[in-house]
Amino acid sequence: MADRINLFFAYAPIVVFALIVLVVYFSTRGQIAKIPIGQTFACNACGHRDKRDHMVPVAREGSVLWYCHRCVARL
C-alpha cells in the first residue's frame, strides 16, 4: 500500500504539469501575436531609423533610397 502511495505522489506532479501544458497549448494555438513587428527603415543620409510611414522613398538608378523628412528637404 505504501508503494502505491509513493508511486502516486511521484508521478502526480508530472501528470498535472503535462495536462496544464496541453491545455495551454490547445487553447492558444490559433491565436495571432498581438504585437506586430514593425519594419523600420534607416535614412540614407543621416542614419535616423523610423517607421515606413515617416520615411520618404526616393528612386535612384533602379534602387529605392529612404530619407527622413529632414534630409529629404535638403535634396
Protein backbone atom coordinates (compact mmCIF):
# COMPACT_ATOMS: atom_id res chain seq x y z
CA MET A 1 0.00 0.00 0.00
CA ALA A 2 2.82 2.40 0.83
CA ASP A 3 4.42 1.69 -2.54
CA ARG A 4 1.26 2.75 -4.36
CA ILE A 5 1.04 5.99 -2.40
CA ASN A 6 4.69 6.77 -3.10
CA LEU A 7 4.21 5.95 -6.77
CA PHE A 8 1.14 8.21 -6.95
CA PHE A 9 2.97 11.17 -5.39
CA ALA A 10 5.98 10.53 -7.61
CA TYR A 11 4.04 10.76 -10.88
CA ALA A 12 1.22 13.16 -9.94
CA PRO A 13 3.21 16.41 -10.40
CA ILE A 14 4.48 15.31 -13.81
CA VAL A 15 0.99 14.35 -14.98
CA VAL A 16 -0.54 17.59 -13.71
CA PHE A 17 2.20 19.63 -15.39
CA ALA A 18 1.67 17.79 -18.69
CA LEU A 19 -2.08 18.41 -18.51
CA ILE A 20 -1.56 22.12 -17.87
CA VAL A 21 0.88 22.41 -20.78
CA LEU A 22 -1.52 20.62 -23.12
CA VAL A 23 -4.48 22.77 -22.08
CA VAL A 24 -2.49 25.97 -22.60
CA TYR A 25 -1.17 24.76 -25.95
CA PHE A 26 -4.56 23.80 -27.34
CA SER A 27 -6.23 26.95 -26.06
CA THR A 28 -3.67 29.33 -27.60
CA ARG A 29 -2.53 27.63 -30.80
CA GLY A 30 -4.95 29.50 -33.06
CA GLN A 31 -4.18 32.97 -31.75
CA ILE A 32 -2.17 35.51 -33.67
CA ALA A 33 0.53 37.52 -31.95
CA LYS A 34 -0.96 40.76 -30.63
CA ILE A 35 2.19 42.82 -31.03
CA PRO A 36 3.02 43.34 -34.69
CA ILE A 37 6.67 43.54 -35.52
CA GLY A 38 7.12 46.83 -37.32
CA GLN A 39 9.60 47.24 -40.10
CA THR A 40 11.88 50.25 -39.78
CA PHE A 41 13.99 51.97 -42.38
CA ALA A 42 17.21 53.92 -41.95
CA CYS A 43 17.72 57.31 -43.55
CA ASN A 44 20.30 57.11 -46.32
CA ALA A 45 21.83 60.45 -45.35
CA CYS A 46 21.84 60.66 -41.55
CA GLY A 47 21.02 57.10 -40.44
CA HIS A 48 17.88 58.04 -38.50
CA ARG A 49 15.60 54.99 -38.12
CA ASP A 50 11.83 55.29 -38.27
CA LYS A 51 8.71 53.52 -39.48
CA ARG A 52 7.93 53.35 -43.16
CA ASP A 53 5.09 55.85 -42.82
CA HIS A 54 7.51 58.55 -41.68
CA MET A 55 10.14 57.97 -44.35
CA VAL A 56 10.23 59.23 -47.94
CA PRO A 57 11.27 56.82 -50.71
CA VAL A 58 13.47 58.22 -53.47
CA ALA A 59 14.16 56.11 -56.57
CA ARG A 60 17.70 56.46 -57.91
CA GLU A 61 19.34 54.27 -60.54
CA GLY A 62 16.89 51.42 -60.08
CA SER A 63 17.04 51.26 -56.29
CA VAL A 64 14.91 52.86 -53.61
CA LEU A 65 16.63 55.02 -51.03
CA TRP A 66 14.80 56.05 -47.87
CA TYR A 67 15.20 59.53 -46.38
CA CYS A 68 13.77 61.10 -43.24
CA HIS A 69 11.69 64.27 -43.53
CA ARG A 70 14.65 66.47 -42.54
CA CYS A 71 17.07 65.08 -45.11
CA VAL A 72 14.57 64.95 -47.97
CA ALA A 73 14.07 68.71 -47.60
CA ARG A 74 17.79 69.19 -48.33
CA LEU A 75 17.74 67.15 -51.57
